[in-house]
Amino acid sequence: MALWLFLGALNGLVAVAAGAYGWHSLSGDEGARKMFEIAVQYQMVHALALVAVAWLATRFEGRWRLPVHLAGAGFTLGIILFSGTLYAFGMTGSVPVEGAAPVGGFLFMIGWGSLMWIAGASRLGARS
């Protein structure tokens, strides 16, 4: 599905740009730089996961698309809440929304769990 591919590519691009910003602009603050490194790493991994979700969206139909879209939503919202919180903390030294990063991490887990669900469906031969 084009939406997941677009979001995967967008997040990959933002992760590369954020990595460059964090490395060059936050060179004096090791704590801020470390927050950026973690945020970039998680964003890039989940950007690639979104590309996989885009491919899976072309392989499944009907009710079996639910876990595909759930994975995409989990990864996207997880990036916003987890990586976004770490980026904000790295730039400002404060957390914009208390508890957002752990919720983002939980959403990442929902995304990966949804991929496990898809793997189970594939094993059973379900596609439509």
N, C-alpha and C. Protein backbone atom coordinates (compact mmCIF):
# COMPACT_ATOMS: atom_id res chain seq x y z
N MET A 1 0.84 -1.18 0.00
CA MET A 1 0.00 0.00 0.00
C MET A 1 0.89 1.24 0.00
N ALA A 2 0.51 2.19 -0.80
CA ALA A 2 1.32 3.39 -1.00
C ALA A 2 1.51 4.19 0.28
N LEU A 3 0.52 4.21 1.16
CA LEU A 3 0.65 4.99 2.41
C LEU A 3 1.81 4.48 3.25
N TRP A 4 1.89 3.17 3.44
CA TRP A 4 2.95 2.62 4.29
C TRP A 4 4.33 2.81 3.65
N LEU A 5 4.41 2.68 2.34
CA LEU A 5 5.68 2.91 1.66
C LEU A 5 6.10 4.37 1.79
N PHE A 6 5.15 5.28 1.61
CA PHE A 6 5.44 6.71 1.77
C PHE A 6 5.92 7.00 3.19
N LEU A 7 5.21 6.48 4.20
CA LEU A 7 5.60 6.74 5.59
C LEU A 7 6.95 6.12 5.92
N GLY A 8 7.22 4.94 5.36
CA GLY A 8 8.53 4.33 5.57
C GLY A 8 9.64 5.18 4.98
N ALA A 9 9.44 5.62 3.75
CA ALA A 9 10.45 6.46 3.09
C ALA A 9 10.61 7.79 3.80
N LEU A 10 9.51 8.41 4.20
CA LEU A 10 9.56 9.69 4.92
C LEU A 10 10.33 9.54 6.22
N ASN A 11 10.04 8.49 6.96
CA ASN A 11 10.74 8.30 8.24
C ASN A 11 12.20 7.95 8.05
N GLY A 12 12.53 7.23 6.98
CA GLY A 12 13.94 6.99 6.69
C GLY A 12 14.66 8.29 6.41
N LEU A 13 14.05 9.14 5.60
CA LEU A 13 14.63 10.44 5.28
C LEU A 13 14.81 11.29 6.54
N VAL A 14 13.78 11.35 7.38
CA VAL A 14 13.84 12.16 8.61
C VAL A 14 14.90 11.60 9.55
N ALA A 15 15.02 10.27 9.62
CA ALA A 15 16.03 9.67 10.51
C ALA A 15 17.44 10.05 10.07
N VAL A 16 17.69 10.03 8.76
CA VAL A 16 19.02 10.42 8.27
C VAL A 16 19.28 11.90 8.58
N ALA A 17 18.30 12.74 8.33
CA ALA A 17 18.46 14.18 8.60
C ALA A 17 18.64 14.44 10.10
N ALA A 18 17.86 13.75 10.93
CA ALA A 18 17.98 13.94 12.38
C ALA A 18 19.33 13.44 12.87
N GLY A 19 19.81 12.36 12.30
CA GLY A 19 21.13 11.86 12.69
C GLY A 19 22.23 12.87 12.38
N ALA A 20 22.14 13.47 11.22
CA ALA A 20 23.13 14.49 10.85
C ALA A 20 23.01 15.71 11.76
N TYR A 21 21.78 16.14 12.03
CA TYR A 21 21.57 17.29 12.93
C TYR A 21 22.14 16.98 14.31
N GLY A 22 21.78 15.82 14.84
CA GLY A 22 22.24 15.47 16.18
C GLY A 22 23.75 15.39 16.29
N TRP A 23 24.39 14.84 15.27
CA TRP A 23 25.84 14.69 15.31
C TRP A 23 26.55 16.03 15.20
N HIS A 24 26.07 16.88 14.30
CA HIS A 24 26.77 18.14 14.04
C HIS A 24 26.33 19.29 14.94
N SER A 25 25.09 19.33 15.33
CA SER A 25 24.59 20.46 16.10
C SER A 25 24.63 20.25 17.61
N LEU A 26 24.69 19.00 18.03
CA LEU A 26 24.68 18.73 19.47
C LEU A 26 26.03 18.20 19.94
N SER A 27 27.11 18.61 19.27
CA SER A 27 28.42 18.05 19.55
C SER A 27 28.93 18.35 20.95
N GLY A 28 28.46 19.40 21.57
CA GLY A 28 28.95 19.77 22.90
C GLY A 28 28.23 19.06 24.03
N ASP A 29 27.11 18.42 23.77
CA ASP A 29 26.31 17.81 24.82
C ASP A 29 26.16 16.31 24.54
N GLU A 30 26.96 15.50 25.24
CA GLU A 30 26.95 14.05 25.00
C GLU A 30 25.61 13.42 25.35
N GLY A 31 24.94 13.90 26.38
CA GLY A 31 23.63 13.35 26.76
C GLY A 31 22.59 13.59 25.68
N ALA A 32 22.57 14.80 25.15
CA ALA A 32 21.62 15.14 24.08
C ALA A 32 21.95 14.34 22.83
N ARG A 33 23.22 14.21 22.54
CA ARG A 33 23.63 13.45 21.35
C ARG A 33 23.21 11.98 21.49
N LYS A 34 23.35 11.41 22.68
CA LYS A 34 22.96 10.02 22.91
C LYS A 34 21.45 9.84 22.73
N MET A 35 20.66 10.79 23.22
CA MET A 35 19.21 10.72 23.03
C MET A 35 18.87 10.72 21.55
N PHE A 36 19.56 11.58 20.80
CA PHE A 36 19.34 11.63 19.36
C PHE A 36 19.73 10.32 18.68
N GLU A 37 20.85 9.75 19.08
CA GLU A 37 21.29 8.49 18.48
C GLU A 37 20.26 7.39 18.69
N ILE A 38 19.72 7.31 19.90
CA ILE A 38 18.70 6.29 20.19
C ILE A 38 17.44 6.54 19.36
N ALA A 39 17.02 7.80 19.31
CA ALA A 39 15.82 8.15 18.53
C ALA A 39 16.00 7.83 17.05
N VAL A 40 17.17 8.16 16.51
CA VAL A 40 17.46 7.89 15.10
C VAL A 40 17.46 6.40 14.84
N GLN A 41 18.10 5.64 15.71
CA GLN A 41 18.17 4.19 15.53
C GLN A 41 16.77 3.57 15.50
N TYR A 42 15.94 3.92 16.46
CA TYR A 42 14.59 3.36 16.49
C TYR A 42 13.75 3.84 15.31
N GLN A 43 13.91 5.09 14.93
CA GLN A 43 13.14 5.58 13.80
C GLN A 43 13.55 4.87 12.51
N MET A 44 14.84 4.67 12.30
CA MET A 44 15.29 4.03 11.07
C MET A 44 14.85 2.57 11.01
N VAL A 45 14.99 1.85 12.11
CA VAL A 45 14.57 0.44 12.13
C VAL A 45 13.08 0.34 11.79
N HIS A 46 12.28 1.22 12.36
CA HIS A 46 10.85 1.14 12.14
C HIS A 46 10.44 1.75 10.80
N ALA A 47 11.26 2.61 10.22
CA ALA A 47 11.03 3.05 8.85
C ALA A 47 11.17 1.86 7.91
N LEU A 48 12.19 1.05 8.13
CA LEU A 48 12.37 -0.15 7.31
C LEU A 48 11.24 -1.15 7.54
N ALA A 49 10.78 -1.23 8.78
CA ALA A 49 9.63 -2.11 9.07
C ALA A 49 8.39 -1.63 8.31
N LEU A 50 8.22 -0.32 8.18
CA LEU A 50 7.09 0.21 7.42
C LEU A 50 7.19 -0.16 5.94
N VAL A 51 8.39 -0.22 5.41
CA VAL A 51 8.57 -0.66 4.02
C VAL A 51 8.12 -2.12 3.89
N ALA A 52 8.45 -2.93 4.88
CA ALA A 52 7.99 -4.33 4.89
C ALA A 52 6.47 -4.39 4.99
N VAL A 53 5.88 -3.54 5.78
CA VAL A 53 4.42 -3.48 5.91
C VAL A 53 3.79 -3.12 4.57
N ALA A 54 4.41 -2.19 3.85
CA ALA A 54 3.90 -1.80 2.53
C ALA A 54 3.88 -3.01 1.60
N TRP A 55 4.94 -3.81 1.63
CA TRP A 55 4.99 -5.02 0.80
C TRP A 55 3.93 -6.02 1.25
N LEU A 56 3.80 -6.22 2.56
CA LEU A 56 2.80 -7.17 3.07
C LEU A 56 1.38 -6.74 2.71
N ALA A 57 1.14 -5.45 2.64
CA ALA A 57 -0.19 -4.95 2.30
C ALA A 57 -0.60 -5.36 0.88
N THR A 58 0.38 -5.65 0.04
CA THR A 58 0.06 -6.11 -1.33
C THR A 58 -0.14 -7.62 -1.37
N ARG A 59 0.19 -8.32 -0.31
CA ARG A 59 0.13 -9.78 -0.29
C ARG A 59 -1.12 -10.35 0.38
N PHE A 60 -1.79 -9.54 1.18
CA PHE A 60 -2.95 -10.02 1.92
C PHE A 60 -4.19 -9.22 1.56
N GLU A 61 -5.34 -9.86 1.66
CA GLU A 61 -6.61 -9.21 1.34
C GLU A 61 -7.61 -9.46 2.45
N GLY A 62 -8.70 -8.74 2.39
CA GLY A 62 -9.80 -8.96 3.31
C GLY A 62 -9.41 -8.80 4.76
N ARG A 63 -9.90 -9.71 5.58
CA ARG A 63 -9.68 -9.61 7.02
C ARG A 63 -8.22 -9.78 7.41
N TRP A 64 -7.41 -10.39 6.56
CA TRP A 64 -6.00 -10.59 6.87
C TRP A 64 -5.18 -9.31 6.68
N ARG A 65 -5.82 -8.26 6.16
CA ARG A 65 -5.11 -6.98 6.07
C ARG A 65 -5.12 -6.25 7.41
N LEU A 66 -6.02 -6.63 8.31
CA LEU A 66 -6.10 -5.96 9.62
C LEU A 66 -4.76 -5.98 10.35
N PRO A 67 -4.11 -7.14 10.54
CA PRO A 67 -2.83 -7.09 11.24
C PRO A 67 -1.75 -6.33 10.48
N VAL A 68 -1.85 -6.29 9.16
CA VAL A 68 -0.88 -5.51 8.36
C VAL A 68 -1.03 -4.03 8.70
N HIS A 69 -2.26 -3.54 8.67
CA HIS A 69 -2.50 -2.13 8.97
C HIS A 69 -2.25 -1.81 10.44
N LEU A 70 -2.53 -2.76 11.31
CA LEU A 70 -2.24 -2.57 12.73
C LEU A 70 -0.74 -2.43 12.95
N ALA A 71 0.05 -3.24 12.25
CA ALA A 71 1.51 -3.12 12.35
C ALA A 71 1.97 -1.75 11.85
N GLY A 72 1.45 -1.32 10.72
CA GLY A 72 1.83 -0.01 10.18
C GLY A 72 1.47 1.13 11.12
N ALA A 73 0.28 1.05 11.70
CA ALA A 73 -0.16 2.09 12.63
C ALA A 73 0.70 2.07 13.90
N GLY A 74 1.00 0.88 14.40
CA GLY A 74 1.84 0.78 15.59
C GLY A 74 3.22 1.35 15.37
N PHE A 75 3.81 1.01 14.23
CA PHE A 75 5.15 1.53 13.93
C PHE A 75 5.13 3.05 13.75
N THR A 76 4.13 3.55 13.03
CA THR A 76 4.07 5.00 12.77
C THR A 76 3.86 5.79 14.06
N LEU A 77 2.87 5.39 14.84
CA LEU A 77 2.60 6.10 16.09
C LEU A 77 3.73 5.90 17.09
N GLY A 78 4.36 4.73 17.06
CA GLY A 78 5.50 4.49 17.93
C GLY A 78 6.66 5.42 17.61
N ILE A 79 6.91 5.63 16.34
CA ILE A 79 7.96 6.56 15.92
C ILE A 79 7.66 7.96 16.44
N ILE A 80 6.42 8.39 16.26
CA ILE A 80 6.05 9.74 16.69
C ILE A 80 6.24 9.90 18.19
N LEU A 81 5.72 8.95 18.97
CA LEU A 81 5.76 9.09 20.42
C LEU A 81 7.13 8.78 21.01
N PHE A 82 7.76 7.69 20.58
CA PHE A 82 9.04 7.30 21.17
C PHE A 82 10.17 8.19 20.65
N SER A 83 10.40 8.13 19.35
CA SER A 83 11.51 8.92 18.79
C SER A 83 11.25 10.41 18.95
N GLY A 84 10.01 10.85 18.75
CA GLY A 84 9.69 12.26 18.92
C GLY A 84 10.02 12.77 20.31
N THR A 85 9.69 11.97 21.32
CA THR A 85 9.99 12.36 22.70
C THR A 85 11.50 12.45 22.92
N LEU A 86 12.23 11.47 22.41
CA LEU A 86 13.68 11.51 22.58
C LEU A 86 14.33 12.66 21.83
N TYR A 87 13.81 12.97 20.64
CA TYR A 87 14.32 14.14 19.91
C TYR A 87 14.07 15.42 20.71
N ALA A 88 12.85 15.57 21.22
CA ALA A 88 12.51 16.77 21.99
C ALA A 88 13.38 16.87 23.24
N PHE A 89 13.57 15.75 23.92
CA PHE A 89 14.40 15.75 25.12
C PHE A 89 15.85 16.11 24.77
N GLY A 90 16.35 15.58 23.67
CA GLY A 90 17.71 15.89 23.26
C GLY A 90 17.91 17.35 22.92
N MET A 91 16.88 17.99 22.37
CA MET A 91 17.00 19.40 21.97
C MET A 91 16.72 20.37 23.11
N THR A 92 15.77 20.00 23.99
CA THR A 92 15.34 20.96 25.00
C THR A 92 15.71 20.57 26.42
N GLY A 93 16.02 19.30 26.64
CA GLY A 93 16.32 18.84 27.99
C GLY A 93 15.08 18.52 28.80
N SER A 94 13.91 18.63 28.19
CA SER A 94 12.68 18.29 28.90
C SER A 94 11.80 17.40 28.03
N VAL A 95 10.93 16.66 28.70
CA VAL A 95 10.01 15.75 28.02
C VAL A 95 8.71 16.50 27.76
N PRO A 96 8.27 16.59 26.48
CA PRO A 96 7.07 17.37 26.18
C PRO A 96 5.78 16.76 26.74
N VAL A 97 5.65 15.45 26.68
CA VAL A 97 4.46 14.76 27.20
C VAL A 97 4.93 13.59 28.04
N GLU A 98 4.70 13.68 29.33
CA GLU A 98 5.13 12.63 30.25
C GLU A 98 4.49 11.29 29.88
N GLY A 99 5.29 10.26 29.76
CA GLY A 99 4.79 8.92 29.46
C GLY A 99 4.64 8.61 27.98
N ALA A 100 4.93 9.56 27.11
CA ALA A 100 4.77 9.33 25.67
C ALA A 100 5.77 8.30 25.14
N ALA A 101 7.00 8.34 25.61
CA ALA A 101 8.01 7.41 25.11
C ALA A 101 7.67 5.95 25.45
N PRO A 102 7.26 5.64 26.69
CA PRO A 102 6.88 4.26 26.97
C PRO A 102 5.66 3.80 26.16
N VAL A 103 4.72 4.69 25.92
CA VAL A 103 3.56 4.34 25.09
C VAL A 103 4.04 4.06 23.67
N GLY A 104 4.96 4.87 23.17
CA GLY A 104 5.53 4.64 21.85
C GLY A 104 6.23 3.30 21.77
N GLY A 105 6.97 2.93 22.81
CA GLY A 105 7.62 1.63 22.85
C GLY A 105 6.61 0.49 22.84
N PHE A 106 5.50 0.67 23.55
CA PHE A 106 4.44 -0.34 23.56
C PHE A 106 3.82 -0.45 22.16
N LEU A 107 3.66 0.67 21.47
CA LEU A 107 3.12 0.63 20.11
C LEU A 107 4.07 -0.09 19.16
N PHE A 108 5.37 0.07 19.36
CA PHE A 108 6.33 -0.71 18.57
C PHE A 108 6.09 -2.21 18.79
N MET A 109 5.88 -2.58 20.04
CA MET A 109 5.63 -4.00 20.35
C MET A 109 4.34 -4.49 19.71
N ILE A 110 3.32 -3.64 19.67
CA ILE A 110 2.07 -4.01 18.99
C ILE A 110 2.35 -4.25 17.50
N GLY A 111 3.15 -3.38 16.90
CA GLY A 111 3.50 -3.56 15.49
C GLY A 111 4.22 -4.87 15.25
N TRP A 112 5.21 -5.19 16.08
CA TRP A 112 5.94 -6.45 15.91
C TRP A 112 5.06 -7.65 16.20
N GLY A 113 4.19 -7.53 17.19
CA GLY A 113 3.24 -8.61 17.47
C GLY A 113 2.29 -8.83 16.31
N SER A 114 1.89 -7.76 15.66
CA SER A 114 1.03 -7.88 14.48
C SER A 114 1.74 -8.60 13.34
N LEU A 115 3.04 -8.34 13.19
CA LEU A 115 3.80 -9.08 12.18
C LEU A 115 3.87 -10.57 12.52
N MET A 116 3.94 -10.88 13.81
CA MET A 116 3.89 -12.29 14.22
C MET A 116 2.55 -12.91 13.85
N TRP A 117 1.47 -12.14 14.03
CA TRP A 117 0.13 -12.57 13.67
C TRP A 117 0.08 -12.88 12.17
N ILE A 118 0.66 -11.99 11.38
CA ILE A 118 0.69 -12.18 9.92
C ILE A 118 1.48 -13.44 9.57
N ALA A 119 2.59 -13.66 10.27
CA ALA A 119 3.39 -14.86 10.02
C ALA A 119 2.58 -16.11 10.32
N GLY A 120 1.79 -16.07 11.38
CA GLY A 120 0.92 -17.20 11.70
C GLY A 120 -0.13 -17.42 10.63
N ALA A 121 -0.69 -16.33 10.12
CA ALA A 121 -1.69 -16.43 9.06
C ALA A 121 -1.07 -17.01 7.79
N SER A 122 0.16 -16.60 7.50
CA SER A 122 0.85 -17.11 6.32
C SER A 122 1.10 -18.61 6.44
N ARG A 123 1.44 -19.01 7.63
CA ARG A 123 1.72 -20.44 7.87
C ARG A 123 0.47 -21.28 7.64
N LEU A 124 -0.69 -20.69 7.92
CA LEU A 124 -1.96 -21.39 7.70
C LEU A 124 -2.46 -21.26 6.27
N GLY A 125 -1.73 -20.52 5.46
CA GLY A 125 -2.11 -20.36 4.06
C GLY A 125 -3.18 -19.30 3.84
N ALA A 126 -3.43 -18.44 4.81
CA ALA A 126 -4.45 -17.41 4.68
C ALA A 126 -3.91 -16.21 3.91
N ARG A 127 -4.69 -15.72 3.00
CA ARG A 127 -4.33 -14.49 2.25
C ARG A 127 -5.55 -13.65 1.96
N SER A 128 -6.72 -14.24 2.00
CA SER A 128 -7.92 -13.44 1.69
C SER A 128 -8.97 -13.60 2.75
